[in-house]
C-alpha atoms as a PDB file:
ATOM      1  CA  MET A   1     175.933 237.134 -44.793  1.00  0.00           C
ATOM      2  CA  ASP A   2     173.696 239.923 -46.114  1.00  0.00           C
ATOM      3  CA  LYS A   3     171.485 237.380 -47.903  1.00  0.00           C
ATOM      4  CA  ALA A   4     170.263 236.050 -44.547  1.00  0.00           C
ATOM      5  CA  ARG A   5     168.743 239.447 -43.706  1.00  0.00           C
ATOM      6  CA  ARG A   6     166.857 239.885 -46.959  1.00  0.00           C
ATOM      7  CA  PRO A   7     163.066 239.507 -46.793  1.00  0.00           C
ATOM      8  CA  ALA A   8     163.099 236.394 -48.987  1.00  0.00           C
ATOM      9  CA  SER A   9     165.289 234.627 -46.414  1.00  0.00           C
ATOM     10  CA  LEU A  10     163.205 235.532 -43.385  1.00  0.00           C
ATOM     11  CA  PRO A  11     160.727 233.002 -41.959  1.00  0.00           C
ATOM     12  CA  GLU A  12     157.057 233.419 -42.771  1.00  0.00           C
ATOM     13  CA  GLU A  13     155.071 235.492 -40.285  1.00  0.00           C
ATOM     14  CA  ALA A  14     152.681 232.600 -39.644  1.00  0.00           C
ATOM     15  CA  SER A  15     155.591 230.330 -38.662  1.00  0.00           C
ATOM     16  CA  VAL A  16     156.920 232.887 -36.195  1.00  0.00           C
ATOM     17  CA  GLU A  17     153.424 233.336 -34.736  1.00  0.00           C
ATOM     18  CA  THR A  18     153.046 229.546 -34.335  1.00  0.00           C
ATOM     19  CA  LEU A  19     156.361 229.398 -32.506  1.00  0.00           C
ATOM     20  CA  ARG A  20     155.418 232.343 -30.274  1.00  0.00           C
ATOM     21  CA  THR A  21     152.088 230.730 -29.359  1.00  0.00           C
ATOM     22  CA  TYR A  22     153.767 227.421 -28.561  1.00  0.00           C
ATOM     23  CA  LEU A  23     156.405 229.144 -26.409  1.00  0.00           C
ATOM     24  CA  ASN A  24     153.810 231.196 -24.522  1.00  0.00           C
ATOM     25  CA  MET A  25     151.620 228.160 -23.804  1.00  0.00           C
ATOM     26  CA  SER A  26     154.586 226.048 -22.697  1.00  0.00           C
ATOM     27  CA  ILE A  27     156.021 228.798 -20.508  1.00  0.00           C
ATOM     28  CA  LYS A  28     152.652 229.364 -18.848  1.00  0.00           C
ATOM     29  CA  ARG A  29     152.139 225.641 -18.224  1.00  0.00           C
ATOM     30  CA  LEU A  30     155.627 225.015 -16.847  1.00  0.00           C
ATOM     31  CA  SER A  31     155.821 228.152 -14.701  1.00  0.00           C
ATOM     32  CA  SER A  32     152.517 227.314 -12.997  1.00  0.00           C
ATOM     33  CA  GLN A  33     153.831 224.017 -11.608  1.00  0.00           C
ATOM     34  CA  LYS A  34     154.230 223.740  -7.841  1.00  0.00           C
ATOM     35  CA  GLU A  35     157.714 222.249  -8.141  1.00  0.00           C
ATOM     36  CA  LEU A  36     160.124 222.852 -10.949  1.00  0.00           C
ATOM     37  CA  VAL A  37     162.851 220.231 -11.054  1.00  0.00           C
ATOM     38  CA  GLY A  38     164.772 218.146 -13.553  1.00  0.00           C
ATOM     39  CA  GLU A  39     163.657 218.180 -17.156  1.00  0.00           C
ATOM     40  CA  ASP A  40     160.839 220.657 -16.496  1.00  0.00           C
ATOM     41  CA  TYR A  41     163.359 223.190 -15.152  1.00  0.00           C
ATOM     42  CA  VAL A  42     165.642 222.682 -18.160  1.00  0.00           C
ATOM     43  CA  LEU A  43     162.720 222.921 -20.581  1.00  0.00           C
ATOM     44  CA  LEU A  44     161.369 226.120 -19.007  1.00  0.00           C
ATOM     45  CA  ARG A  45     164.832 227.666 -19.037  1.00  0.00           C
ATOM     46  CA  SER A  46     165.213 226.872 -22.739  1.00  0.00           C
ATOM     47  CA  MET A  47     161.721 228.138 -23.578  1.00  0.00           C
ATOM     48  CA  VAL A  48     162.251 231.494 -21.850  1.00  0.00           C
ATOM     49  CA  VAL A  49     165.643 232.026 -23.520  1.00  0.00           C
ATOM     50  CA  CYS A  50     164.057 231.190 -26.870  1.00  0.00           C
ATOM     51  CA  ARG A  51     161.155 233.592 -26.218  1.00  0.00           C
ATOM     52  CA  LEU A  52     163.513 236.432 -25.278  1.00  0.00           C
ATOM     53  CA  THR A  53     165.741 235.747 -28.273  1.00  0.00           C
ATOM     54  CA  LEU A  54     162.793 235.684 -30.668  1.00  0.00           C
ATOM     55  CA  PHE A  55     161.137 238.738 -29.107  1.00  0.00           C
ATOM     56  CA  ASN A  56     164.270 240.878 -29.099  1.00  0.00           C
ATOM     57  CA  GLY A  57     165.684 239.655 -32.411  1.00  0.00           C
ATOM     58  CA  ARG A  58     168.987 238.861 -30.724  1.00  0.00           C
ATOM     59  CA  ARG A  59     171.652 236.235 -31.029  1.00  0.00           C
ATOM     60  CA  GLY A  60     170.871 233.259 -28.802  1.00  0.00           C
ATOM     61  CA  GLU A  61     173.729 233.818 -26.419  1.00  0.00           C
ATOM     62  CA  GLU A  62     172.759 237.383 -25.507  1.00  0.00           C
ATOM     63  CA  PRO A  63     169.585 236.783 -23.450  1.00  0.00           C
ATOM     64  CA  SER A  64     171.074 233.581 -22.035  1.00  0.00           C
ATOM     65  CA  ARG A  65     173.870 235.610 -20.400  1.00  0.00           C
ATOM     66  CA  MET A  66     171.474 237.653 -18.250  1.00  0.00           C
ATOM     67  CA  LEU A  67     172.730 237.983 -14.690  1.00  0.00           C
ATOM     68  CA  VAL A  68     170.483 237.793 -11.626  1.00  0.00           C
ATOM     69  CA  SER A  69     171.515 241.390 -10.809  1.00  0.00           C
ATOM     70  CA  GLU A  70     170.426 242.518 -14.299  1.00  0.00           C
ATOM     71  CA  TRP A  71     167.078 240.746 -13.821  1.00  0.00           C
ATOM     72  CA  ASN A  72     166.636 242.460 -10.447  1.00  0.00           C
ATOM     73  CA  ASP A  73     167.294 245.826 -12.128  1.00  0.00           C
ATOM     74  CA  ALA A  74     164.599 245.042 -14.710  1.00  0.00           C
ATOM     75  CA  LYS A  75     162.140 243.800 -12.085  1.00  0.00           C
ATOM     76  CA  ASN A  76     162.625 246.945 -10.000  1.00  0.00           C
ATOM     77  CA  GLY A  77     162.314 249.266 -13.010  1.00  0.00           C
ATOM     78  CA  GLU A  78     165.839 250.666 -12.582  1.00  0.00           C
ATOM     79  CA  TRP A  79     166.137 251.553 -16.272  1.00  0.00           C
ATOM     80  CA  LEU A  80     162.778 253.307 -16.579  1.00  0.00           C
ATOM     81  CA  GLN A  81     162.260 257.017 -16.137  1.00  0.00           C
ATOM     82  CA  LYS A  82     160.305 257.868 -13.047  1.00  0.00           C
ATOM     83  CA  HIS A  83     159.435 261.422 -14.101  1.00  0.00           C
ATOM     84  CA  GLU A  84     155.834 262.478 -14.485  1.00  0.00           C
ATOM     85  CA  THR A  85     156.731 264.018 -17.848  1.00  0.00           C
ATOM     86  CA  VAL A  86     156.926 260.556 -19.433  1.00  0.00           C
ATOM     87  CA  ASP A  87     154.284 260.384 -22.145  1.00  0.00           C
ATOM     88  CA  ILE A  88     151.335 257.975 -22.109  1.00  0.00           C
ATOM     89  CA  ASN A  89     152.901 255.624 -24.681  1.00  0.00           C
ATOM     90  CA  GLU A  90     156.018 255.181 -22.571  1.00  0.00           C
ATOM     91  CA  ARG A  91     153.905 254.495 -19.482  1.00  0.00           C
ATOM     92  CA  PHE A  92     151.924 251.870 -21.401  1.00  0.00           C
ATOM     93  CA  LEU A  93     155.107 250.149 -22.592  1.00  0.00           C
ATOM     94  CA  ALA A  94     156.589 250.272 -19.100  1.00  0.00           C
ATOM     95  CA  GLY A  95     153.554 248.327 -17.884  1.00  0.00           C
ATOM     96  CA  GLN A  96     153.895 245.729 -20.642  1.00  0.00           C
ATOM     97  CA  TYR A  97     157.612 245.015 -20.491  1.00  0.00           C
ATOM     98  CA  LYS A  98     160.584 244.918 -18.189  1.00  0.00           C
ATOM     99  CA  LEU A  99     163.780 246.507 -19.494  1.00  0.00           C
ATOM    100  CA  THR A 100     167.342 245.569 -18.702  1.00  0.00           C
ATOM    101  CA  TYR A 101     170.723 246.157 -20.220  1.00  0.00           C
ATOM    102  CA  LEU A 102     173.093 243.215 -20.527  1.00  0.00           C
ATOM    103  CA  HIS A 103     176.844 243.538 -20.763  1.00  0.00           C
ATOM    104  CA  GLY A 104     177.846 243.284 -24.395  1.00  0.00           C
ATOM    105  CA  LYS A 105     181.255 243.312 -26.002  1.00  0.00           C
ATOM    106  CA  GLY A 106     183.726 245.611 -24.339  1.00  0.00           C
ATOM    107  CA  ARG A 107     181.945 248.410 -22.538  1.00  0.00           C
ATOM    108  CA  GLN A 108     178.797 248.255 -24.637  1.00  0.00           C
ATOM    109  CA  PHE A 109     175.395 247.380 -23.228  1.00  0.00           C
ATOM    110  CA  VAL A 110     172.672 245.438 -25.017  1.00  0.00           C
ATOM    111  CA  PRO A 111     169.041 246.392 -24.269  1.00  0.00           C
ATOM    112  CA  VAL A 112     166.651 243.497 -23.695  1.00  0.00           C
ATOM    113  CA  LEU A 113     162.888 243.859 -23.337  1.00  0.00           C
ATOM    114  CA  ILE A 114     161.262 241.173 -21.223  1.00  0.00           C
ATOM    115  CA  PRO A 115     157.557 240.575 -21.961  1.00  0.00           C
ATOM    116  CA  THR A 116     155.303 240.232 -18.927  1.00  0.00           C
ATOM    117  CA  ASP A 117     154.489 236.649 -19.929  1.00  0.00           C
ATOM    118  CA  CYS A 118     158.096 235.727 -19.024  1.00  0.00           C
ATOM    119  CA  VAL A 119     158.236 237.413 -15.616  1.00  0.00           C
ATOM    120  CA  LYS A 120     156.676 234.574 -13.583  1.00  0.00           C
ATOM    121  CA  ALA A 121     158.812 232.010 -15.409  1.00  0.00           C
ATOM    122  CA  ILE A 122     162.035 233.891 -14.652  1.00  0.00           C
ATOM    123  CA  GLU A 123     161.006 234.183 -11.012  1.00  0.00           C
ATOM    124  CA  GLN A 124     160.379 230.409 -10.943  1.00  0.00           C
ATOM    125  CA  LEU A 125     163.769 229.695 -12.511  1.00  0.00           C
ATOM    126  CA  ILE A 126     165.483 231.793  -9.856  1.00  0.00           C
ATOM    127  CA  ALA A 127     163.428 230.304  -7.016  1.00  0.00           C
ATOM    128  CA  TYR A 128     164.196 226.685  -7.992  1.00  0.00           C
ATOM    129  CA  ARG A 129     167.904 227.097  -8.737  1.00  0.00           C
ATOM    130  CA  CYS A 130     169.094 225.263  -5.625  1.00  0.00           C
ATOM    131  CA  HIS A 131     166.614 222.408  -6.238  1.00  0.00           C
ATOM    132  CA  ASN A 132     168.304 221.841  -9.586  1.00  0.00           C
ATOM    133  CA  GLY A 133     171.905 221.787  -8.414  1.00  0.00           C
ATOM    134  CA  ILE A 134     172.806 225.363  -9.324  1.00  0.00           C
ATOM    135  CA  THR A 135     175.036 226.970  -6.736  1.00  0.00           C
ATOM    136  CA  SER A 136     174.424 230.415  -5.300  1.00  0.00           C
ATOM    137  CA  GLU A 137     177.796 231.528  -6.720  1.00  0.00           C
ATOM    138  CA  ASN A 138     176.431 231.124 -10.250  1.00  0.00           C
ATOM    139  CA  GLN A 139     175.308 234.631 -11.250  1.00  0.00           C
ATOM    140  CA  PHE A 140     173.337 233.717 -14.383  1.00  0.00           C
ATOM    141  CA  VAL A 141     169.520 233.650 -14.491  1.00  0.00           C
ATOM    142  CA  PHE A 142     169.545 230.825 -17.030  1.00  0.00           C
ATOM    143  CA  ALA A 143     172.249 228.812 -15.276  1.00  0.00           C
ATOM    144  CA  SER A 144     172.895 225.193 -16.089  1.00  0.00           C
ATOM    145  CA  LYS A 145     174.519 222.357 -14.221  1.00  0.00           C
ATOM    146  CA  GLY A 146     175.033 220.361 -17.381  1.00  0.00           C
ATOM    147  CA  MET A 147     171.573 218.787 -17.532  1.00  0.00           C
ATOM    148  CA  CYS A 148     170.145 218.069 -20.942  1.00  0.00           C
ATOM    149  CA  ILE A 149     166.817 216.958 -22.321  1.00  0.00           C
ATOM    150  CA  GLN A 150     166.760 213.463 -23.791  1.00  0.00           C
ATOM    151  CA  ALA A 151     165.223 213.455 -27.267  1.00  0.00           C
END
């Protein structure tokens, strides 16, 4: 288990950068569509979860469990300090990222930073839920109705 975390086992920086560029381009292209249905919805959902997982260095299931209420907290800046004593670096980061805390194991919370390049895509995923057969009772941002992409 510890071998997987050693530097020799980590992917090359260039490979991670290539993946990040591909994800960003795909997310931008898909989230700018007028309608988001079917395979495009599923693809965008997968791309955003992958981007958040890669960006936060998390297990894949953690960002995928984000609730709509947790997204709304991040969007509204609920977890950010609103004091004027916040230093300039914190203000810069607050403008670059959204922050939410997801429910982890037990009573623990898992922090997740959401880059601004994912904000529009998440809004699109939420807006087109009903067009893709996801009921309003489903609380997850990255909800699925069992659709899959054909390879």
